[in-house]
Amino acid sequence: MTDSISQRIANLWRTPAAVRLGALVALVAVTAVIAHAKAPGPLSTQTPSVVAPIVPSGTPRIEAVFVLDTTGSMTGLIEGAKQKIWSIANQIASAQTTPEIRMALIGYRDRGDAYVTRHFPLDQDIDALYGHLQRFQAGGGGDGPEAVNQALHEAVTAMDWSDDPGVYKVIFLVGDAPPHMDYQNDVRYADSVELANARGIVVNTIQCGSDPNTARVWQEIARLSQGEYASIAQDGAMVAMTTPMDEELARLNREMSATVVAYGEAEQRDELLGKLRRTFRALPSAVASRLAYFDKKGGALNSGRADLVDAISAGEVDLDELPATSMPEEMRDLSAEERDGYIAEKAKARQDVQERISVLVKKRDAYLEEEAEKRRAEGKAESFDDKVFETIRNQAASRGIAY
């Protein structure tokens, strides 16, 4: 290459002066580039350029799978998570543009326990997820390592993840014991993480307790996935955050539930009513978080299948074409005009309650954010739900989701 350039320079002296000058400038530039490329030189100390976030083409979307160790030592975290799942959902929904959220749950123990894994699919029905979580009881374990490898592999491969690269897809692996590495026919965590990376799924790890073997593996999993590792207290350090608005919101929840019109098959009606009954047994803070979540989602009564009032409002059901057997008993003997009036009355009452809920939710969100800022400033934001939301807030920005 050097000989060729020298020959070209020599040839230039046979050309006119103006052409010669322009060509010399070009050749000098090329020679400088080549010399710079060949020179060893010091490593660059400049900050790498920041990759622009993927901007969602429509409603931003988040898919989150929680993989929870449900052995006996995890009792505190499981019980705390039952109260905090709505708080987490509400925090996730608090983005500047409310995202579409699908969440899933995998509980794992170990071979020889009552189950190795038990999972519930990605779904927008957070009410159903809450119900599944309420039925989880910590038990089993006791021999140290658990079926972490299997649980993580199923989280990556057994869930209906979106193929859209604009969706923020995340796994939270939560536990206090390392994986068995001696099981036959087990997919090792490094292989599952590699597959997660290929599918655009971030794996974050939250360690409960201080076992050094768990810390080593949890840190490695997070590193391999470019995720985040956090260590929290064994019981999850759940902070019982209550606000002056919680009791009133719990009362309004009962008032709004009185506007429900369950329809469809008996099983479908029972499912909806069961969701509402669970809210009556929940702590006021959990009920308030649930209402705050739905306020951000447009004020629906519930997640999953709508009741008849919301279904008619959304244009999903034509009341005139709905069989009487699919209606609640109090509507079956009404005339068409009376049925319309019945639904209109329920819709008006619901709108009134929702407006009062919305006012209180805004006050409550502001109160909670102020308290959260205080905890962060004091270095006290160390609970399970704190870590989950902090991680999501940091990582979702790469998908154009801002908080």
Protein backbone atom coordinates (compact mmCIF):
# COMPACT_ATOMS: atom_id res chain seq x y z
CA MET A 1 0.00 0.00 0.00
CA THR A 2 2.86 2.43 0.91
CA ASP A 3 4.70 1.77 -2.40
CA SER A 4 1.52 2.36 -4.35
CA ILE A 5 0.94 5.71 -2.65
CA SER A 6 4.56 6.78 -3.26
CA GLN A 7 4.25 5.93 -6.96
CA ARG A 8 1.05 7.95 -7.21
CA ILE A 9 2.73 10.97 -5.60
CA ALA A 10 5.60 10.72 -8.08
CA ASN A 11 3.17 10.58 -10.99
CA LEU A 12 1.41 13.72 -9.76
CA TRP A 13 4.37 15.92 -10.72
CA ARG A 14 3.53 15.21 -14.35
CA THR A 15 -0.02 16.73 -13.95
CA PRO A 16 -1.12 20.39 -14.01
CA ALA A 17 -0.53 22.36 -10.78
CA ALA A 18 -4.21 22.77 -9.74
CA VAL A 19 -5.00 19.09 -10.20
CA ARG A 20 -1.74 18.21 -8.52
CA LEU A 21 -2.62 20.26 -5.40
CA GLY A 22 -6.07 18.76 -4.96
CA ALA A 23 -4.85 15.22 -5.41
CA LEU A 24 -1.97 15.76 -2.98
CA VAL A 25 -4.40 16.93 -0.31
CA ALA A 26 -6.57 13.84 -0.82
CA LEU A 27 -3.57 11.48 -0.74
CA VAL A 28 -2.19 13.05 2.43
CA ALA A 29 -5.57 12.60 4.11
CA VAL A 30 -5.77 8.95 3.07
CA THR A 31 -2.20 8.33 4.26
CA ALA A 32 -3.00 9.91 7.65
CA VAL A 33 -6.06 7.71 8.09
CA ILE A 34 -4.08 4.56 7.26
CA ALA A 35 -1.24 5.55 9.60
CA HIS A 36 -3.68 6.27 12.40
CA ALA A 37 -5.41 2.89 11.91
CA LYS A 38 -2.06 1.06 12.07
CA ALA A 39 -0.69 2.95 15.07
CA PRO A 40 -1.28 1.19 18.40
CA GLY A 41 -2.00 4.41 20.29
CA PRO A 42 -3.70 4.67 23.71
CA LEU A 43 -7.16 3.24 24.35
CA SER A 44 -9.97 5.76 23.97
CA THR A 45 -11.16 7.32 27.19
CA GLN A 46 -14.26 8.83 25.64
CA THR A 47 -17.66 7.78 26.86
CA PRO A 48 -19.30 5.42 24.32
CA SER A 49 -22.13 6.95 22.38
CA VAL A 50 -25.53 6.34 23.92
CA VAL A 51 -27.85 4.18 21.86
CA ALA A 52 -31.11 5.99 21.26
CA PRO A 53 -34.07 4.33 22.98
CA ILE A 54 -36.63 2.47 20.93
CA VAL A 55 -39.67 4.72 20.70
CA PRO A 56 -42.95 2.75 20.83
CA SER A 57 -45.05 3.17 17.70
CA GLY A 58 -48.24 3.05 19.76
CA THR A 59 -49.08 2.40 23.39
CA PRO A 60 -45.92 1.42 25.27
CA ARG A 61 -45.92 -2.18 26.48
CA ILE A 62 -44.33 -3.93 29.43
CA GLU A 63 -44.18 -7.68 30.05
CA ALA A 64 -42.91 -8.78 33.46
CA VAL A 65 -42.50 -12.30 34.84
CA PHE A 66 -41.86 -12.76 38.55
CA VAL A 67 -40.02 -15.99 39.38
CA LEU A 68 -40.39 -16.51 43.12
CA ASP A 69 -38.80 -19.06 45.42
CA THR A 70 -41.79 -20.35 47.42
CA THR A 71 -39.94 -22.64 49.86
CA GLY A 72 -40.43 -22.32 53.59
CA SER A 73 -37.71 -19.74 54.17
CA MET A 74 -39.48 -17.30 51.85
CA THR A 75 -42.64 -16.95 53.95
CA GLY A 76 -42.05 -13.27 54.76
CA LEU A 77 -41.51 -12.22 51.18
CA ILE A 78 -44.46 -14.23 49.82
CA GLU A 79 -46.84 -12.76 52.39
CA GLY A 80 -45.50 -9.27 51.74
CA ALA A 81 -45.80 -9.69 47.97
CA LYS A 82 -49.48 -10.55 48.38
CA GLN A 83 -50.04 -7.08 49.79
CA LYS A 84 -47.68 -5.30 47.41
CA ILE A 85 -48.61 -6.69 43.99
CA TRP A 86 -51.11 -3.88 43.38
CA SER A 87 -48.63 -1.29 44.56
CA ILE A 88 -46.10 -2.63 42.04
CA ALA A 89 -48.69 -2.66 39.24
CA ASN A 90 -49.71 0.91 40.09
CA GLN A 91 -46.09 2.07 40.04
CA ILE A 92 -45.46 0.41 36.68
CA ALA A 93 -48.60 2.06 35.28
CA SER A 94 -47.44 5.51 36.46
CA ALA A 95 -45.31 6.17 33.35
CA GLN A 96 -45.83 9.47 31.54
CA THR A 97 -47.77 7.49 28.92
CA THR A 98 -49.65 4.69 30.66
CA PRO A 99 -48.29 1.40 29.30
CA GLU A 100 -50.13 -1.77 28.48
CA ILE A 101 -48.99 -4.23 31.15
CA ARG A 102 -48.87 -8.00 31.12
CA MET A 103 -47.57 -9.81 34.18
CA ALA A 104 -46.93 -13.46 34.99
CA LEU A 105 -45.92 -15.52 37.99
CA ILE A 106 -43.78 -18.63 38.46
CA GLY A 107 -43.41 -20.17 41.90
CA TYR A 108 -40.65 -22.72 42.32
CA ARG A 109 -39.43 -25.13 44.95
CA ASP A 110 -37.39 -28.26 44.30
CA ARG A 111 -37.60 -31.82 43.12
CA GLY A 112 -39.28 -33.92 45.79
CA ASP A 113 -41.44 -31.03 47.08
CA ALA A 114 -45.17 -30.64 46.46
CA TYR A 115 -44.26 -29.09 43.10
CA VAL A 116 -41.14 -28.08 41.25
CA THR A 117 -42.69 -25.11 39.41
CA ARG A 118 -46.15 -23.65 39.28
CA HIS A 119 -46.77 -20.89 36.78
CA PHE A 120 -49.47 -18.56 35.53
CA PRO A 121 -49.19 -17.01 32.05
CA LEU A 122 -48.55 -13.46 30.93
CA ASP A 123 -51.86 -11.67 31.12
CA GLN A 124 -53.31 -8.19 31.46
CA ASP A 125 -55.66 -9.59 34.10
CA ILE A 126 -53.81 -8.39 37.22
CA ASP A 127 -56.90 -9.26 39.29
CA ALA A 128 -56.41 -12.91 38.36
CA LEU A 129 -52.67 -12.73 39.10
CA TYR A 130 -53.48 -11.29 42.51
CA GLY A 131 -55.83 -14.21 43.15
CA HIS A 132 -53.16 -16.75 42.15
CA LEU A 133 -50.61 -15.10 44.42
CA GLN A 134 -53.03 -15.18 47.35
CA ARG A 135 -53.13 -18.97 47.08
CA PHE A 136 -49.34 -19.36 47.23
CA GLN A 137 -48.07 -20.69 50.54
CA ALA A 138 -44.38 -21.02 51.35
CA GLY A 139 -43.30 -24.58 52.16
CA GLY A 140 -40.82 -27.34 51.37
CA GLY A 141 -37.14 -26.79 50.69
CA GLY A 142 -34.69 -27.18 53.53
CA ASP A 143 -31.76 -28.74 51.66
CA GLY A 144 -30.11 -25.58 50.37
CA PRO A 145 -30.14 -25.37 46.55
CA GLU A 146 -33.49 -25.20 44.72
CA ALA A 147 -34.83 -25.74 41.20
CA VAL A 148 -33.67 -22.32 40.03
CA ASN A 149 -32.44 -23.60 36.67
CA GLN A 150 -35.79 -25.10 35.72
CA ALA A 151 -37.78 -22.08 36.90
CA LEU A 152 -35.62 -19.63 34.97
CA HIS A 153 -35.71 -21.75 31.81
CA GLU A 154 -39.50 -21.95 31.96
CA ALA A 155 -39.71 -18.18 32.48
CA VAL A 156 -37.81 -17.70 29.22
CA THR A 157 -39.38 -20.47 27.13
CA ALA A 158 -42.85 -21.25 28.52
CA MET A 159 -44.29 -17.74 28.49
CA ASP A 160 -46.07 -16.08 25.58
CA TRP A 161 -43.52 -13.30 25.16
CA SER A 162 -44.13 -10.71 22.47
CA ASP A 163 -41.85 -10.76 19.42
CA ASP A 164 -42.04 -6.96 19.17
CA PRO A 165 -38.58 -5.48 19.92
CA GLY A 166 -40.27 -2.33 21.22
CA VAL A 167 -41.76 -4.17 24.19
CA TYR A 168 -39.85 -3.95 27.47
CA LYS A 169 -39.59 -7.61 28.54
CA VAL A 170 -38.23 -8.39 31.98
CA ILE A 171 -37.82 -11.28 34.42
CA PHE A 172 -37.33 -10.83 38.15
CA LEU A 173 -35.70 -13.88 39.74
CA VAL A 174 -36.30 -13.69 43.49
CA GLY A 175 -34.93 -16.18 46.00
CA ASP A 176 -32.51 -16.98 48.79
CA ALA A 177 -30.83 -20.20 47.60
CA PRO A 178 -28.60 -21.08 44.63
CA PRO A 179 -29.55 -23.56 41.90
CA HIS A 180 -28.88 -27.27 41.90
CA MET A 181 -26.06 -27.79 39.42
CA ASP A 182 -26.04 -31.58 39.77
CA TYR A 183 -29.43 -32.42 38.23
CA GLN A 184 -29.51 -34.45 35.04
CA ASN A 185 -31.51 -33.09 32.08
CA ASP A 186 -31.47 -29.59 33.57
CA VAL A 187 -30.86 -26.49 31.47
CA ARG A 188 -28.22 -24.42 33.25
CA TYR A 189 -28.94 -20.81 34.04
CA ALA A 190 -26.20 -19.47 31.71
CA ASP A 191 -27.89 -21.16 28.74
CA SER A 192 -31.29 -19.76 29.71
CA VAL A 193 -29.85 -16.27 30.05
CA GLU A 194 -28.26 -16.56 26.60
CA LEU A 195 -31.64 -17.49 25.18
CA ALA A 196 -33.26 -14.59 27.06
CA ASN A 197 -30.71 -12.20 25.57
CA ALA A 198 -31.52 -13.44 22.08
CA ARG A 199 -35.21 -12.76 22.71
CA GLY A 200 -34.66 -9.30 24.16
CA ILE A 201 -35.62 -10.31 27.70
CA VAL A 202 -33.73 -8.73 30.60
CA VAL A 203 -33.15 -10.93 33.66
CA ASN A 204 -32.85 -9.11 36.99
CA THR A 205 -32.10 -10.86 40.26
CA ILE A 206 -33.20 -10.03 43.78
CA GLN A 207 -31.50 -11.96 46.56
CA CYS A 208 -33.29 -12.39 49.87
CA GLY A 209 -30.91 -12.87 52.78
CA SER A 210 -27.12 -13.02 52.63
CA ASP A 211 -26.09 -16.50 51.46
CA PRO A 212 -22.76 -15.99 49.60
CA ASN A 213 -23.39 -18.82 47.13
CA THR A 214 -26.69 -17.27 46.12
CA ALA A 215 -25.06 -13.85 45.81
CA ARG A 216 -22.41 -15.22 43.45
CA VAL A 217 -24.93 -16.87 41.12
CA TRP A 218 -27.47 -14.04 41.26
CA GLN A 219 -24.77 -11.53 40.40
CA GLU A 220 -23.54 -13.66 37.52
CA ILE A 221 -27.04 -14.06 36.09
CA ALA A 222 -27.61 -10.30 36.21
CA ARG A 223 -24.21 -9.64 34.64
CA LEU A 224 -24.76 -12.12 31.80
CA SER A 225 -28.10 -10.50 31.05
CA GLN A 226 -26.93 -6.91 31.56
CA GLY A 227 -29.63 -6.79 34.19
CA GLU A 228 -29.51 -5.57 37.77
CA TYR A 229 -28.74 -7.41 41.00
CA ALA A 230 -30.19 -6.34 44.34
CA SER A 231 -29.89 -7.73 47.83
CA ILE A 232 -32.71 -7.25 50.34
CA ALA A 233 -33.63 -8.56 53.76
CA GLN A 234 -34.80 -12.16 54.03
CA ASP A 235 -38.42 -11.12 54.53
CA GLY A 236 -38.36 -8.64 51.63
CA ALA A 237 -38.28 -5.60 53.93
CA MET A 238 -41.79 -4.70 52.81
CA VAL A 239 -42.71 -1.20 53.94
CA ALA A 240 -46.34 -0.88 55.01
CA MET A 241 -47.09 2.38 53.24
CA THR A 242 -50.45 3.79 54.26
CA THR A 243 -51.90 7.16 53.35
CA PRO A 244 -54.68 9.35 54.74
CA MET A 245 -56.70 8.53 51.61
CA ASP A 246 -56.71 4.71 51.95
CA GLU A 247 -59.78 4.24 54.14
CA GLU A 248 -61.93 6.49 51.98
CA LEU A 249 -60.75 4.74 48.82
CA ALA A 250 -61.60 1.37 50.36
CA ARG A 251 -65.09 2.68 51.08
CA LEU A 252 -65.45 3.96 47.53
CA ASN A 253 -64.31 0.54 46.27
CA ARG A 254 -67.36 -1.03 47.93
CA GLU A 255 -69.56 1.72 46.57
CA MET A 256 -68.29 1.15 43.02
CA SER A 257 -68.62 -2.62 43.41
CA ALA A 258 -72.33 -2.07 43.99
CA THR A 259 -72.54 -0.92 40.36
CA VAL A 260 -71.27 -4.23 38.97
CA VAL A 261 -73.46 -6.10 36.49
CA ALA A 262 -71.96 -9.56 35.99
CA TYR A 263 -73.05 -11.35 32.83
CA GLY A 264 -72.35 -14.45 30.75
CA GLU A 265 -72.16 -18.04 31.93
CA ALA A 266 -72.45 -18.75 35.66
CA GLU A 267 -68.71 -19.45 35.85
CA GLN A 268 -67.91 -16.10 34.23
CA ARG A 269 -70.19 -14.24 36.60
CA ASP A 270 -68.69 -16.01 39.61
CA GLU A 271 -65.16 -15.19 38.44
CA LEU A 272 -65.90 -11.46 38.30
CA LEU A 273 -67.70 -11.40 41.63
CA GLY A 274 -64.86 -13.40 43.17
CA LYS A 275 -62.38 -10.72 42.09
CA LEU A 276 -64.42 -8.07 43.83
CA ARG A 277 -64.89 -10.14 46.99
CA ARG A 278 -61.11 -10.49 47.29
CA THR A 279 -60.81 -6.73 47.41
CA PHE A 280 -63.17 -6.63 50.40
CA ARG A 281 -60.73 -8.84 52.34
CA ALA A 282 -57.60 -6.90 51.35
CA LEU A 283 -55.91 -4.19 53.39
CA PRO A 284 -57.12 -0.65 52.58
CA SER A 285 -53.65 0.23 51.23
CA ALA A 286 -53.82 -2.66 48.74
CA VAL A 287 -57.36 -1.71 47.70
CA ALA A 288 -56.26 1.89 47.23
CA SER A 289 -53.33 0.80 45.03
CA ARG A 290 -55.68 -1.32 42.94
CA LEU A 291 -58.04 1.62 42.39
CA ALA A 292 -55.07 3.85 41.54
CA TYR A 293 -53.96 1.31 38.92
CA PHE A 294 -57.40 1.22 37.30
CA ASP A 295 -57.69 5.00 37.40
CA LYS A 296 -54.54 5.17 35.27
CA LYS A 297 -56.04 2.54 32.96
CA GLY A 298 -59.13 4.65 32.31
CA GLY A 299 -61.28 3.87 35.35
CA ALA A 300 -62.38 0.32 34.56
CA LEU A 301 -64.09 -1.75 37.24
CA ASN A 302 -61.65 -4.65 36.95
CA SER A 303 -59.00 -6.24 34.75
CA GLY A 304 -59.73 -9.17 32.48
CA ARG A 305 -63.28 -9.68 31.24
CA ALA A 306 -65.40 -6.55 31.75
CA ASP A 307 -68.75 -6.43 33.48
CA LEU A 308 -71.84 -5.61 31.41
CA VAL A 309 -71.71 -1.86 32.09
CA ASP A 310 -68.15 -1.50 30.81
CA ALA A 311 -68.70 -4.02 27.99
CA ILE A 312 -71.64 -2.03 26.62
CA SER A 313 -69.75 1.26 27.01
CA ALA A 314 -66.84 -0.19 25.03
CA GLY A 315 -69.14 -1.48 22.30
CA GLU A 316 -68.26 -5.10 23.06
CA VAL A 317 -71.87 -6.14 23.77
CA ASP A 318 -75.21 -5.18 22.24
CA LEU A 319 -77.77 -5.40 25.06
CA ASP A 320 -80.62 -6.02 22.63
CA GLU A 321 -78.86 -9.15 21.34
CA LEU A 322 -77.76 -10.53 24.71
CA PRO A 323 -79.74 -13.63 25.75
CA ALA A 324 -81.69 -13.19 28.98
CA THR A 325 -79.92 -16.26 30.40
CA SER A 326 -76.62 -14.37 30.18
CA MET A 327 -77.97 -11.50 32.27
CA PRO A 328 -78.08 -11.29 36.07
CA GLU A 329 -81.39 -12.49 37.50
CA GLU A 330 -82.58 -8.97 38.37
CA MET A 331 -82.54 -8.03 34.65
CA ARG A 332 -84.12 -11.10 33.09
CA ASP A 333 -87.76 -10.15 33.57
CA LEU A 334 -87.30 -6.50 32.61
CA SER A 335 -88.48 -5.04 29.32
CA ALA A 336 -85.92 -3.83 26.78
CA GLU A 337 -86.53 -0.23 27.86
CA GLU A 338 -86.18 -1.12 31.54
CA ARG A 339 -82.93 -2.97 30.86
CA ASP A 340 -81.50 0.09 29.12
CA GLY A 341 -82.53 2.22 32.08
CA TYR A 342 -81.00 -0.24 34.54
CA ILE A 343 -77.64 -0.16 32.79
CA ALA A 344 -77.75 3.63 32.40
CA GLU A 345 -78.41 4.04 36.12
CA LYS A 346 -75.47 1.78 37.02
CA ALA A 347 -73.19 3.60 34.56
CA LYS A 348 -74.11 7.01 35.99
CA ALA A 349 -73.50 5.84 39.56
CA ARG A 350 -70.16 4.34 38.55
CA GLN A 351 -69.02 7.50 36.79
CA ASP A 352 -69.80 9.51 39.90
CA VAL A 353 -67.76 7.16 42.11
CA GLN A 354 -64.89 7.03 39.61
CA GLU A 355 -64.63 10.81 39.56
CA ARG A 356 -64.29 10.87 43.36
CA ILE A 357 -61.76 8.04 43.21
CA SER A 358 -59.69 9.89 40.61
CA VAL A 359 -59.39 12.97 42.83
CA LEU A 360 -58.24 10.91 45.80
CA VAL A 361 -55.84 8.83 43.69
CA LYS A 362 -54.00 11.93 42.50
CA LYS A 363 -53.60 13.10 46.10
CA ARG A 364 -52.49 9.64 47.16
CA ASP A 365 -49.94 9.29 44.35
CA ALA A 366 -48.43 12.67 45.25
CA TYR A 367 -48.26 11.67 48.92
CA LEU A 368 -46.57 8.34 48.12
CA GLU A 369 -44.06 9.94 45.75
CA GLU A 370 -43.09 12.44 48.43
CA GLU A 371 -42.60 9.63 50.95
CA ALA A 372 -40.61 7.60 48.41
CA GLU A 373 -38.31 10.57 47.75
CA LYS A 374 -37.66 10.83 51.48
CA ARG A 375 -36.79 7.13 51.70
CA ARG A 376 -34.47 7.36 48.72
CA ALA A 377 -32.75 10.43 50.17
CA GLU A 378 -32.27 8.60 53.48
CA GLY A 379 -31.05 5.44 51.77
CA LYS A 380 -34.05 3.47 53.00
CA ALA A 381 -35.54 2.40 49.66
CA GLU A 382 -34.48 -1.22 50.22
CA SER A 383 -37.73 -3.19 50.02
CA PHE A 384 -38.77 -5.71 47.37
CA ASP A 385 -41.22 -3.35 45.69
CA ASP A 386 -38.72 -0.46 45.85
CA LYS A 387 -36.14 -2.55 44.00
CA VAL A 388 -38.60 -3.79 41.39
CA PHE A 389 -39.86 -0.32 40.51
CA GLU A 390 -36.41 1.27 40.58
CA THR A 391 -35.18 -1.36 38.15
CA ILE A 392 -38.16 -1.00 35.82
CA ARG A 393 -37.91 2.78 35.85
CA ASN A 394 -34.23 2.60 34.86
CA GLN A 395 -34.55 -0.09 32.20
CA ALA A 396 -37.85 0.86 30.57
CA ALA A 397 -36.24 4.05 29.26
CA SER A 398 -34.51 1.89 26.64
CA ARG A 399 -37.97 1.22 25.20
CA GLY A 400 -38.98 4.86 25.27
CA ILE A 401 -41.01 4.53 28.50
CA ALA A 402 -40.36 7.49 30.81
CA TYR A 403 -41.37 7.87 34.45
